[in-house]
Amino acid sequence: DGALPYLIADATRAIDAVPLILVGHQGPLTAVRYSADGKRILTASQDGSARLWDAETGALLATLSGHREAVLGAMFSPDGTRIVTASSDGTARLWDGLSGQPLFELGGHKLGVT
């Protein structure tokens, strides 16, 4: 299906632990972030999406779709309840940090947002 595998290194995992491999994005990653509690991983990609993963199992929790071009950045809010993504399509989007549901789009930028 063209999905690319990404190995995520985590210094808190045991040396002999099985590496966490996340598969789903169709393009190179532009950002990887852990939630403050360490339970979720947020990835952003040139494929125009961000994805939310379970940090223990690598299971995909949500795909954050809506940007029309590459997602250049993604961050959790300090409490993990919100996610913000920034795209080369000139928008930033706000998402629910637990469900991945879209909440708001900030548009009007003439160039990409990082």
PDB file of N, CA and C in Angstrom:
ATOM      1  N   ASP A   1       0.801  -1.200   0.000  1.00  0.00           N
ATOM      2  CA  ASP A   1       0.000   0.000   0.000  1.00  0.00           C
ATOM      3  C   ASP A   1       0.843   1.263   0.000  1.00  0.00           C
ATOM      4  N   GLY A   2       2.159   1.152  -0.010  1.00  0.00           N
ATOM      5  CA  GLY A   2       3.035   2.303  -0.055  1.00  0.00           C
ATOM      6  C   GLY A   2       3.372   2.901   1.297  1.00  0.00           C
ATOM      7  N   ALA A   3       2.834   2.357   2.386  1.00  0.00           N
ATOM      8  CA  ALA A   3       3.114   2.888   3.711  1.00  0.00           C
ATOM      9  C   ALA A   3       4.578   2.649   4.061  1.00  0.00           C
ATOM     10  N   LEU A   4       5.183   3.653   4.681  1.00  0.00           N
ATOM     11  CA  LEU A   4       6.591   3.579   5.055  1.00  0.00           C
ATOM     12  C   LEU A   4       6.714   3.233   6.532  1.00  0.00           C
ATOM     13  N   PRO A   5       7.624   2.298   6.891  1.00  0.00           N
ATOM     14  CA  PRO A   5       7.840   1.977   8.299  1.00  0.00           C
ATOM     15  C   PRO A   5       8.844   2.942   8.925  1.00  0.00           C
ATOM     16  N   TYR A   6       8.597   3.344  10.171  1.00  0.00           N
ATOM     17  CA  TYR A   6       9.518   4.210  10.896  1.00  0.00           C
ATOM     18  C   TYR A   6       9.832   3.587  12.238  1.00  0.00           C
ATOM     19  N   LEU A   7      11.113   3.463  12.537  1.00  0.00           N
ATOM     20  CA  LEU A   7      11.582   2.956  13.819  1.00  0.00           C
ATOM     21  C   LEU A   7      11.681   4.137  14.773  1.00  0.00           C
ATOM     22  N   ILE A   8      11.018   4.050  15.917  1.00  0.00           N
ATOM     23  CA  ILE A   8      11.029   5.120  16.910  1.00  0.00           C
ATOM     24  C   ILE A   8      11.915   4.702  18.073  1.00  0.00           C
ATOM     25  N   ALA A   9      12.957   5.466  18.302  1.00  0.00           N
ATOM     26  CA  ALA A   9      13.871   5.192  19.415  1.00  0.00           C
ATOM     27  C   ALA A   9      13.352   5.892  20.663  1.00  0.00           C
ATOM     28  N   ASP A  10      13.408   5.205  21.779  1.00  0.00           N
ATOM     29  CA  ASP A  10      12.935   5.754  23.048  1.00  0.00           C
ATOM     30  C   ASP A  10      13.932   5.358  24.128  1.00  0.00           C
ATOM     31  N   ALA A  11      14.596   6.319  24.698  1.00  0.00           N
ATOM     32  CA  ALA A  11      15.629   6.048  25.692  1.00  0.00           C
ATOM     33  C   ALA A  11      15.063   5.422  26.962  1.00  0.00           C
ATOM     34  N   THR A  12      13.760   5.491  27.175  1.00  0.00           N
ATOM     35  CA  THR A  12      13.188   4.921  28.393  1.00  0.00           C
ATOM     36  C   THR A  12      12.844   3.442  28.234  1.00  0.00           C
ATOM     37  N   ARG A  13      12.882   2.924  27.004  1.00  0.00           N
ATOM     38  CA  ARG A  13      12.596   1.506  26.793  1.00  0.00           C
ATOM     39  C   ARG A  13      13.842   0.688  27.124  1.00  0.00           C
ATOM     40  N   ALA A  14      13.653  -0.510  27.612  1.00  0.00           N
ATOM     41  CA  ALA A  14      14.773  -1.382  27.949  1.00  0.00           C
ATOM     42  C   ALA A  14      15.613  -1.670  26.708  1.00  0.00           C
ATOM     43  N   ILE A  15      16.893  -1.879  26.922  1.00  0.00           N
ATOM     44  CA  ILE A  15      17.825  -2.138  25.809  1.00  0.00           C
ATOM     45  C   ILE A  15      17.358  -3.335  24.985  1.00  0.00           C
ATOM     46  N   ASP A  16      16.841  -4.358  25.634  1.00  0.00           N
ATOM     47  CA  ASP A  16      16.435  -5.573  24.920  1.00  0.00           C
ATOM     48  C   ASP A  16      14.963  -5.529  24.474  1.00  0.00           C
ATOM     49  N   ALA A  17      14.312  -4.387  24.636  1.00  0.00           N
ATOM     50  CA  ALA A  17      12.905  -4.269  24.230  1.00  0.00           C
ATOM     51  C   ALA A  17      12.800  -4.316  22.710  1.00  0.00           C
ATOM     52  N   VAL A  18      11.680  -4.817  22.239  1.00  0.00           N
ATOM     53  CA  VAL A  18      11.414  -4.847  20.807  1.00  0.00           C
ATOM     54  C   VAL A  18      11.229  -3.410  20.326  1.00  0.00           C
ATOM     55  N   PRO A  19      11.930  -3.022  19.246  1.00  0.00           N
ATOM     56  CA  PRO A  19      11.777  -1.643  18.752  1.00  0.00           C
ATOM     57  C   PRO A  19      10.333  -1.352  18.355  1.00  0.00           C
ATOM     58  N   LEU A  20       9.948  -0.115  18.512  1.00  0.00           N
ATOM     59  CA  LEU A  20       8.613   0.335  18.130  1.00  0.00           C
ATOM     60  C   LEU A  20       8.662   0.787  16.674  1.00  0.00           C
ATOM     61  N   ILE A  21       7.913   0.114  15.814  1.00  0.00           N
ATOM     62  CA  ILE A  21       7.880   0.458  14.400  1.00  0.00           C
ATOM     63  C   ILE A  21       6.471   0.920  14.052  1.00  0.00           C
ATOM     64  N   LEU A  22       6.381   2.147  13.560  1.00  0.00           N
ATOM     65  CA  LEU A  22       5.096   2.739  13.206  1.00  0.00           C
ATOM     66  C   LEU A  22       4.963   2.708  11.687  1.00  0.00           C
ATOM     67  N   VAL A  23       3.870   2.139  11.202  1.00  0.00           N
ATOM     68  CA  VAL A  23       3.651   2.017   9.760  1.00  0.00           C
ATOM     69  C   VAL A  23       2.329   2.681   9.407  1.00  0.00           C
ATOM     70  N   GLY A  24       2.359   3.581   8.414  1.00  0.00           N
ATOM     71  CA  GLY A  24       1.114   4.200   7.994  1.00  0.00           C
ATOM     72  C   GLY A  24       1.296   5.398   7.090  1.00  0.00           C
ATOM     73  N   HIS A  25       2.295   6.240   7.376  1.00  0.00           N
ATOM     74  CA  HIS A  25       2.493   7.427   6.551  1.00  0.00           C
ATOM     75  C   HIS A  25       2.944   7.027   5.148  1.00  0.00           C
ATOM     76  N   GLN A  26       2.545   7.832   4.170  1.00  0.00           N
ATOM     77  CA  GLN A  26       2.895   7.603   2.777  1.00  0.00           C
ATOM     78  C   GLN A  26       4.055   8.485   2.319  1.00  0.00           C
ATOM     79  N   GLY A  27       4.668   9.227   3.231  1.00  0.00           N
ATOM     80  CA  GLY A  27       5.775  10.111   2.893  1.00  0.00           C
ATOM     81  C   GLY A  27       6.701  10.270   4.081  1.00  0.00           C
ATOM     82  N   PRO A  28       7.806  10.995   3.878  1.00  0.00           N
ATOM     83  CA  PRO A  28       8.772  11.213   4.958  1.00  0.00           C
ATOM     84  C   PRO A  28       8.157  11.957   6.139  1.00  0.00           C
ATOM     85  N   LEU A  29       8.665  11.660   7.335  1.00  0.00           N
ATOM     86  CA  LEU A  29       8.227  12.349   8.543  1.00  0.00           C
ATOM     87  C   LEU A  29       8.886  13.722   8.636  1.00  0.00           C
ATOM     88  N   THR A  30       8.142  14.685   9.160  1.00  0.00           N
ATOM     89  CA  THR A  30       8.662  16.027   9.391  1.00  0.00           C
ATOM     90  C   THR A  30       8.731  16.349  10.880  1.00  0.00           C
ATOM     91  N   ALA A  31       8.020  15.593  11.709  1.00  0.00           N
ATOM     92  CA  ALA A  31       8.037  15.823  13.157  1.00  0.00           C
ATOM     93  C   ALA A  31       7.606  14.555  13.881  1.00  0.00           C
ATOM     94  N   VAL A  32       8.187  14.338  15.055  1.00  0.00           N
ATOM     95  CA  VAL A  32       7.798  13.255  15.958  1.00  0.00           C
ATOM     96  C   VAL A  32       7.818  13.828  17.364  1.00  0.00           C
ATOM     97  N   ARG A  33       6.724  13.650  18.106  1.00  0.00           N
ATOM     98  CA  ARG A  33       6.626  14.184  19.462  1.00  0.00           C
ATOM     99  C   ARG A  33       5.976  13.153  20.384  1.00  0.00           C
ATOM    100  N   TYR A  34       6.477  13.062  21.603  1.00  0.00           N
ATOM    101  CA  TYR A  34       5.826  12.289  22.655  1.00  0.00           C
ATOM    102  C   TYR A  34       4.913  13.212  23.443  1.00  0.00           C
ATOM    103  N   SER A  35       3.775  12.687  23.900  1.00  0.00           N
ATOM    104  CA  SER A  35       2.929  13.442  24.826  1.00  0.00           C
ATOM    105  C   SER A  35       3.667  13.561  26.159  1.00  0.00           C
ATOM    106  N   ALA A  36       3.301  14.547  26.963  1.00  0.00           N
ATOM    107  CA  ALA A  36       3.990  14.784  28.236  1.00  0.00           C
ATOM    108  C   ALA A  36       3.937  13.573  29.161  1.00  0.00           C
ATOM    109  N   ASP A  37       2.858  12.794  29.086  1.00  0.00           N
ATOM    110  CA  ASP A  37       2.750  11.608  29.943  1.00  0.00           C
ATOM    111  C   ASP A  37       3.434  10.386  29.331  1.00  0.00           C
ATOM    112  N   GLY A  38       3.969  10.520  28.108  1.00  0.00           N
ATOM    113  CA  GLY A  38       4.695   9.434  27.458  1.00  0.00           C
ATOM    114  C   GLY A  38       3.825   8.326  26.895  1.00  0.00           C
ATOM    115  N   LYS A  39       2.506   8.505  26.893  1.00  0.00           N
ATOM    116  CA  LYS A  39       1.605   7.436  26.467  1.00  0.00           C
ATOM    117  C   LYS A  39       1.258   7.481  24.984  1.00  0.00           C
ATOM    118  N   ARG A  40       1.481   8.636  24.335  1.00  0.00           N
ATOM    119  CA  ARG A  40       1.131   8.766  22.922  1.00  0.00           C
ATOM    120  C   ARG A  40       2.291   9.373  22.144  1.00  0.00           C
ATOM    121  N   ILE A  41       2.358   9.041  20.871  1.00  0.00           N
ATOM    122  CA  ILE A  41       3.335   9.616  19.957  1.00  0.00           C
ATOM    123  C   ILE A  41       2.558  10.303  18.847  1.00  0.00           C
ATOM    124  N   LEU A  42       3.005  11.482  18.476  1.00  0.00           N
ATOM    125  CA  LEU A  42       2.412  12.257  17.395  1.00  0.00           C
ATOM    126  C   LEU A  42       3.436  12.369  16.279  1.00  0.00           C
ATOM    127  N   THR A  43       3.048  11.999  15.056  1.00  0.00           N
ATOM    128  CA  THR A  43       3.936  12.135  13.908  1.00  0.00           C
ATOM    129  C   THR A  43       3.278  13.035  12.873  1.00  0.00           C
ATOM    130  N   ALA A  44       4.111  13.778  12.147  1.00  0.00           N
ATOM    131  CA  ALA A  44       3.642  14.617  11.041  1.00  0.00           C
ATOM    132  C   ALA A  44       4.432  14.216   9.808  1.00  0.00           C
ATOM    133  N   SER A  45       3.809  14.370   8.638  1.00  0.00           N
ATOM    134  CA  SER A  45       4.442  13.857   7.426  1.00  0.00           C
ATOM    135  C   SER A  45       4.218  14.758   6.218  1.00  0.00           C
ATOM    136  N   GLN A  46       5.097  14.583   5.259  1.00  0.00           N
ATOM    137  CA  GLN A  46       4.930  15.250   3.977  1.00  0.00           C
ATOM    138  C   GLN A  46       3.728  14.704   3.216  1.00  0.00           C
ATOM    139  N   ASP A  47       3.137  13.611   3.675  1.00  0.00           N
ATOM    140  CA  ASP A  47       1.956  13.056   3.001  1.00  0.00           C
ATOM    141  C   ASP A  47       0.684  13.863   3.289  1.00  0.00           C
ATOM    142  N   GLY A  48       0.789  14.929   4.110  1.00  0.00           N
ATOM    143  CA  GLY A  48      -0.349  15.790   4.400  1.00  0.00           C
ATOM    144  C   GLY A  48      -1.149  15.382   5.615  1.00  0.00           C
ATOM    145  N   SER A  49      -0.651  14.413   6.369  1.00  0.00           N
ATOM    146  CA  SER A  49      -1.385  13.981   7.560  1.00  0.00           C
ATOM    147  C   SER A  49      -0.487  14.011   8.784  1.00  0.00           C
ATOM    148  N   ALA A  50      -1.131  13.959   9.937  1.00  0.00           N
ATOM    149  CA  ALA A  50      -0.471  13.699  11.211  1.00  0.00           C
ATOM    150  C   ALA A  50      -1.148  12.448  11.758  1.00  0.00           C
ATOM    151  N   ARG A  51      -0.439  11.719  12.572  1.00  0.00           N
ATOM    152  CA  ARG A  51      -1.003  10.492  13.141  1.00  0.00           C
ATOM    153  C   ARG A  51      -0.687  10.418  14.622  1.00  0.00           C
ATOM    154  N   LEU A  52      -1.620   9.835  15.355  1.00  0.00           N
ATOM    155  CA  LEU A  52      -1.517   9.666  16.795  1.00  0.00           C
ATOM    156  C   LEU A  52      -1.396   8.177  17.082  1.00  0.00           C
ATOM    157  N   TRP A  53      -0.377   7.806  17.845  1.00  0.00           N
ATOM    158  CA  TRP A  53      -0.052   6.398  18.089  1.00  0.00           C
ATOM    159  C   TRP A  53       0.006   6.108  19.582  1.00  0.00           C
ATOM    160  N   ASP A  54      -0.256   4.860  19.942  1.00  0.00           N
ATOM    161  CA  ASP A  54      -0.039   4.389  21.308  1.00  0.00           C
ATOM    162  C   ASP A  54       1.464   4.156  21.465  1.00  0.00           C
ATOM    163  N   ALA A  55       2.100   4.793  22.442  1.00  0.00           N
ATOM    164  CA  ALA A  55       3.555   4.723  22.599  1.00  0.00           C
ATOM    165  C   ALA A  55       4.037   3.372  23.110  1.00  0.00           C
ATOM    166  N   GLU A  56       3.174   2.605  23.716  1.00  0.00           N
ATOM    167  CA  GLU A  56       3.576   1.296  24.228  1.00  0.00           C
ATOM    168  C   GLU A  56       3.475   0.219  23.152  1.00  0.00           C
ATOM    169  N   THR A  57       2.377   0.231  22.393  1.00  0.00           N
ATOM    170  CA  THR A  57       2.116  -0.849  21.439  1.00  0.00           C
ATOM    171  C   THR A  57       2.401  -0.465  19.985  1.00  0.00           C
ATOM    172  N   GLY A  58       2.426   0.832  19.695  1.00  0.00           N
ATOM    173  CA  GLY A  58       2.580   1.287  18.317  1.00  0.00           C
ATOM    174  C   GLY A  58       1.277   1.282  17.534  1.00  0.00           C
ATOM    175  N   ALA A  59       0.175   0.995  18.202  1.00  0.00           N
ATOM    176  CA  ALA A  59      -1.126   0.972  17.524  1.00  0.00           C
ATOM    177  C   ALA A  59      -1.526   2.379  17.091  1.00  0.00           C
ATOM    178  N   LEU A  60      -2.083   2.484  15.901  1.00  0.00           N
ATOM    179  CA  LEU A  60      -2.582   3.758  15.400  1.00  0.00           C
ATOM    180  C   LEU A  60      -3.866   4.109  16.134  1.00  0.00           C
ATOM    181  N   LEU A  61      -3.901   5.280  16.759  1.00  0.00           N
ATOM    182  CA  LEU A  61      -5.081   5.737  17.490  1.00  0.00           C
ATOM    183  C   LEU A  61      -5.960   6.633  16.631  1.00  0.00           C
ATOM    184  N   ALA A  62      -5.336   7.470  15.790  1.00  0.00           N
ATOM    185  CA  ALA A  62      -6.110   8.392  14.951  1.00  0.00           C
ATOM    186  C   ALA A  62      -5.225   8.926  13.832  1.00  0.00           C
ATOM    187  N   THR A  63      -5.856   9.197  12.691  1.00  0.00           N
ATOM    188  CA  THR A  63      -5.208   9.896  11.588  1.00  0.00           C
ATOM    189  C   THR A  63      -5.817  11.276  11.503  1.00  0.00           C
ATOM    190  N   LEU A  64      -4.986  12.299  11.572  1.00  0.00           N
ATOM    191  CA  LEU A  64      -5.437  13.690  11.526  1.00  0.00           C
ATOM    192  C   LEU A  64      -5.307  14.161  10.082  1.00  0.00           C
ATOM    193  N   SER A  65      -6.427  14.145   9.368  1.00  0.00           N
ATOM    194  CA  SER A  65      -6.453  14.479   7.949  1.00  0.00           C
ATOM    195  C   SER A  65      -7.193  15.786   7.732  1.00  0.00           C
ATOM    196  N   GLY A  66      -6.790  16.514   6.703  1.00  0.00           N
ATOM    197  CA  GLY A  66      -7.473  17.755   6.364  1.00  0.00           C
ATOM    198  C   GLY A  66      -6.549  18.749   5.687  1.00  0.00           C
ATOM    199  N   HIS A  67      -5.263  18.697   6.009  1.00  0.00           N
ATOM    200  CA  HIS A  67      -4.321  19.583   5.331  1.00  0.00           C
ATOM    201  C   HIS A  67      -4.212  19.156   3.869  1.00  0.00           C
ATOM    202  N   ARG A  68      -4.006  20.126   2.978  1.00  0.00           N
ATOM    203  CA  ARG A  68      -3.921  19.852   1.548  1.00  0.00           C
ATOM    204  C   ARG A  68      -2.488  19.658   1.065  1.00  0.00           C
ATOM    205  N   GLU A  69      -1.524  19.960   1.932  1.00  0.00           N
ATOM    206  CA  GLU A  69      -0.103  19.791   1.598  1.00  0.00           C
ATOM    207  C   GLU A  69       0.616  19.213   2.810  1.00  0.00           C
ATOM    208  N   ALA A  70       1.932  19.186   2.752  1.00  0.00           N
ATOM    209  CA  ALA A  70       2.755  18.586   3.810  1.00  0.00           C
ATOM    210  C   ALA A  70       2.454  19.210   5.172  1.00  0.00           C
ATOM    211  N   VAL A  71       2.428  18.374   6.197  1.00  0.00           N
ATOM    212  CA  VAL A  71       2.340  18.843   7.575  1.00  0.00           C
ATOM    213  C   VAL A  71       3.777  19.035   8.053  1.00  0.00           C
ATOM    214  N   LEU A  72       4.142  20.276   8.332  1.00  0.00           N
ATOM    215  CA  LEU A  72       5.526  20.625   8.640  1.00  0.00           C
ATOM    216  C   LEU A  72       5.848  20.553  10.124  1.00  0.00           C
ATOM    217  N   GLY A  73       4.827  20.644  10.965  1.00  0.00           N
ATOM    218  CA  GLY A  73       5.038  20.600  12.400  1.00  0.00           C
ATOM    219  C   GLY A  73       3.804  20.114  13.117  1.00  0.00           C
ATOM    220  N   ALA A  74       4.008  19.563  14.310  1.00  0.00           N
ATOM    221  CA  ALA A  74       2.900  19.086  15.141  1.00  0.00           C
ATOM    222  C   ALA A  74       3.362  19.081  16.591  1.00  0.00           C
ATOM    223  N   MET A  75       2.486  19.515  17.487  1.00  0.00           N
ATOM    224  CA  MET A  75       2.812  19.585  18.912  1.00  0.00           C
ATOM    225  C   MET A  75       1.591  19.253  19.756  1.00  0.00           C
ATOM    226  N   PHE A  76       1.840  18.667  20.923  1.00  0.00           N
ATOM    227  CA  PHE A  76       0.815  18.504  21.946  1.00  0.00           C
ATOM    228  C   PHE A  76       0.762  19.769  22.795  1.00  0.00           C
ATOM    229  N   SER A  77      -0.416  20.094  23.327  1.00  0.00           N
ATOM    230  CA  SER A  77      -0.496  21.108  24.378  1.00  0.00           C
ATOM    231  C   SER A  77       0.161  20.516  25.626  1.00  0.00           C
ATOM    232  N   PRO A  78       0.568  21.340  26.598  1.00  0.00           N
ATOM    233  CA  PRO A  78       1.231  20.809  27.794  1.00  0.00           C
ATOM    234  C   PRO A  78       0.436  19.727  28.523  1.00  0.00           C
ATOM    235  N   ASP A  79      -0.895  19.843  28.525  1.00  0.00           N
ATOM    236  CA  ASP A  79      -1.711  18.839  29.220  1.00  0.00           C
ATOM    237  C   ASP A  79      -2.143  17.688  28.303  1.00  0.00           C
ATOM    238  N   GLY A  80      -1.766  17.744  27.027  1.00  0.00           N
ATOM    239  CA  GLY A  80      -2.063  16.660  26.092  1.00  0.00           C
ATOM    240  C   GLY A  80      -3.477  16.622  25.559  1.00  0.00           C
ATOM    241  N   THR A  81      -4.311  17.591  25.916  1.00  0.00           N
ATOM    242  CA  THR A  81      -5.708  17.556  25.475  1.00  0.00           C
ATOM    243  C   THR A  81      -5.914  18.161  24.087  1.00  0.00           C
ATOM    244  N   ARG A  82      -4.909  18.861  23.580  1.00  0.00           N
ATOM    245  CA  ARG A  82      -5.002  19.477  22.252  1.00  0.00           C
ATOM    246  C   ARG A  82      -3.726  19.178  21.465  1.00  0.00           C
ATOM    247  N   ILE A  83      -3.883  19.150  20.145  1.00  0.00           N
ATOM    248  CA  ILE A  83      -2.771  19.008  19.210  1.00  0.00           C
ATOM    249  C   ILE A  83      -2.901  20.143  18.218  1.00  0.00           C
ATOM    250  N   VAL A  84      -1.774  20.748  17.850  1.00  0.00           N
ATOM    251  CA  VAL A  84      -1.777  21.733  16.781  1.00  0.00           C
ATOM    252  C   VAL A  84      -0.856  21.221  15.674  1.00  0.00           C
ATOM    253  N   THR A  85      -1.316  21.372  14.423  1.00  0.00           N
ATOM    254  CA  THR A  85      -0.502  21.013  13.271  1.00  0.00           C
ATOM    255  C   THR A  85      -0.340  22.247  12.393  1.00  0.00           C
ATOM    256  N   ALA A  86       0.790  22.321  11.699  1.00  0.00           N
ATOM    257  CA  ALA A  86       1.090  23.434  10.799  1.00  0.00           C
ATOM    258  C   ALA A  86       1.475  22.861   9.446  1.00  0.00           C
ATOM    259  N   SER A  87       1.011  23.505   8.380  1.00  0.00           N
ATOM    260  CA  SER A  87       1.179  22.925   7.052  1.00  0.00           C
ATOM    261  C   SER A  87       1.695  23.928   6.029  1.00  0.00           C
ATOM    262  N   SER A  88       2.306  23.382   4.989  1.00  0.00           N
ATOM    263  CA  SER A  88       2.738  24.216   3.869  1.00  0.00           C
ATOM    264  C   SER A  88       1.547  24.717   3.063  1.00  0.00           C
ATOM    265  N   ASP A  89       0.323  24.254   3.372  1.00  0.00           N
ATOM    266  CA  ASP A  89      -0.871  24.759   2.688  1.00  0.00           C
ATOM    267  C   ASP A  89      -1.331  26.113   3.242  1.00  0.00           C
ATOM    268  N   GLY A  90      -0.587  26.659   4.224  1.00  0.00           N
ATOM    269  CA  GLY A  90      -0.916  27.963   4.785  1.00  0.00           C
ATOM    270  C   GLY A  90      -1.902  27.922   5.936  1.00  0.00           C
ATOM    271  N   THR A  91      -2.162  26.729   6.484  1.00  0.00           N
ATOM    272  CA  THR A  91      -3.086  26.622   7.608  1.00  0.00           C
ATOM    273  C   THR A  91      -2.410  25.982   8.814  1.00  0.00           C
ATOM    274  N   ALA A  92      -2.966  26.276   9.967  1.00  0.00           N
ATOM    275  CA  ALA A  92      -2.683  25.554  11.200  1.00  0.00           C
ATOM    276  C   ALA A  92      -4.023  24.987  11.645  1.00  0.00           C
ATOM    277  N   ARG A  93      -4.003  23.826  12.230  1.00  0.00           N
ATOM    278  CA  ARG A  93      -5.251  23.195  12.677  1.00  0.00           C
ATOM    279  C   ARG A  93      -5.119  22.765  14.133  1.00  0.00           C
ATOM    280  N   LEU A  94      -6.230  22.857  14.830  1.00  0.00           N
ATOM    281  CA  LEU A  94      -6.321  22.432  16.220  1.00  0.00           C
ATOM    282  C   LEU A  94      -7.161  21.164  16.269  1.00  0.00           C
ATOM    283  N   TRP A  95      -6.683  20.174  17.017  1.00  0.00           N
ATOM    284  CA  TRP A  95      -7.320  18.859  17.102  1.00  0.00           C
ATOM    285  C   TRP A  95      -7.513  18.472  18.565  1.00  0.00           C
ATOM    286  N   ASP A  96      -8.478  17.617  18.826  1.00  0.00           N
ATOM    287  CA  ASP A  96      -8.629  17.013  20.143  1.00  0.00           C
ATOM    288  C   ASP A  96      -7.451  16.057  20.340  1.00  0.00           C
ATOM    289  N   GLY A  97      -6.729  16.212  21.421  1.00  0.00           N
ATOM    290  CA  GLY A  97      -5.522  15.422  21.649  1.00  0.00           C
ATOM    291  C   GLY A  97      -5.753  13.984  22.035  1.00  0.00           C
ATOM    292  N   LEU A  98      -6.977  13.622  22.365  1.00  0.00           N
ATOM    293  CA  LEU A  98      -7.276  12.241  22.725  1.00  0.00           C
ATOM    294  C   LEU A  98      -7.929  11.478  21.574  1.00  0.00           C
ATOM    295  N   SER A  99      -8.894  12.112  20.927  1.00  0.00           N
ATOM    296  CA  SER A  99      -9.634  11.429  19.848  1.00  0.00           C
ATOM    297  C   SER A  99      -9.071  11.711  18.462  1.00  0.00           C
ATOM    298  N   GLY A 100      -8.325  12.821  18.314  1.00  0.00           N
ATOM    299  CA  GLY A 100      -7.844  13.218  16.998  1.00  0.00           C
ATOM    300  C   GLY A 100      -8.882  13.928  16.154  1.00  0.00           C
ATOM    301  N   GLN A 101     -10.024  14.250  16.727  1.00  0.00           N
ATOM    302  CA  GLN A 101     -11.075  14.937  15.982  1.00  0.00           C
ATOM    303  C   GLN A 101     -10.681  16.400  15.726  1.00  0.00           C
ATOM    304  N   PRO A 102     -10.985  16.922  14.522  1.00  0.00           N
ATOM    305  CA  PRO A 102     -10.659  18.315  14.225  1.00  0.00           C
ATOM    306  C   PRO A 102     -11.528  19.268  15.039  1.00  0.00           C
ATOM    307  N   LEU A 103     -10.924  20.374  15.500  1.00  0.00           N
ATOM    308  CA  LEU A 103     -11.650  21.369  16.283  1.00  0.00           C
ATOM    309  C   LEU A 103     -11.724  22.714  15.576  1.00  0.00           C
ATOM    310  N   PHE A 104     -10.629  23.115  14.915  1.00  0.00           N
ATOM    311  CA  PHE A 104     -10.578  24.471  14.377  1.00  0.00           C
ATOM    312  C   PHE A 104      -9.475  24.570  13.337  1.00  0.00           C
ATOM    313  N   GLU A 105      -9.698  25.405  12.312  1.00  0.00           N
ATOM    314  CA  GLU A 105      -8.666  25.686  11.313  1.00  0.00           C
ATOM    315  C   GLU A 105      -8.321  27.164  11.343  1.00  0.00           C
ATOM    316  N   LEU A 106      -7.041  27.462  11.369  1.00  0.00           N
ATOM    317  CA  LEU A 106      -6.540  28.836  11.302  1.00  0.00           C
ATOM    318  C   LEU A 106      -5.954  29.031   9.908  1.00  0.00           C
ATOM    319  N   GLY A 107      -6.599  29.824   9.093  1.00  0.00           N
ATOM    320  CA  GLY A 107      -6.161  30.021   7.719  1.00  0.00           C
ATOM    321  C   GLY A 107      -5.744  31.459   7.473  1.00  0.00           C
ATOM    322  N   GLY A 108      -5.584  31.777   6.200  1.00  0.00           N
ATOM    323  CA  GLY A 108      -5.282  33.134   5.816  1.00  0.00           C
ATOM    324  C   GLY A 108      -3.809  33.436   5.631  1.00  0.00           C
ATOM    325  N   HIS A 109      -2.946  32.490   5.936  1.00  0.00           N
ATOM    326  CA  HIS A 109      -1.522  32.702   5.715  1.00  0.00           C
ATOM    327  C   HIS A 109      -1.220  32.596   4.221  1.00  0.00           C
ATOM    328  N   LYS A 110      -0.366  33.452   3.735  1.00  0.00           N
ATOM    329  CA  LYS A 110      -0.029  33.422   2.304  1.00  0.00           C
ATOM    330  C   LYS A 110       1.016  32.367   1.994  1.00  0.00           C
ATOM    331  N   LEU A 111       1.812  31.997   2.988  1.00  0.00           N
ATOM    332  CA  LEU A 111       2.845  30.981   2.819  1.00  0.00           C
ATOM    333  C   LEU A 111       2.610  29.852   3.819  1.00  0.00           C
ATOM    334  N   GLY A 112       3.452  28.833   3.747  1.00  0.00           N
ATOM    335  CA  GLY A 112       3.332  27.720   4.664  1.00  0.00           C
ATOM    336  C   GLY A 112       3.543  28.142   6.111  1.00  0.00           C
ATOM    337  N   VAL A 113       2.993  27.359   7.015  1.00  0.00           N
ATOM    338  CA  VAL A 113       3.093  27.606   8.446  1.00  0.00           C
ATOM    339  C   VAL A 113       3.995  26.536   9.038  1.00  0.00           C
ATOM    340  N   THR A 114       4.919  26.957   9.893  1.00  0.00           N
ATOM    341  CA  THR A 114       5.810  25.973  10.541  1.00  0.00           C
ATOM    342  C   THR A 114       5.712  26.076  12.044  1.00  0.00           C
TER     343      THR A 114
END
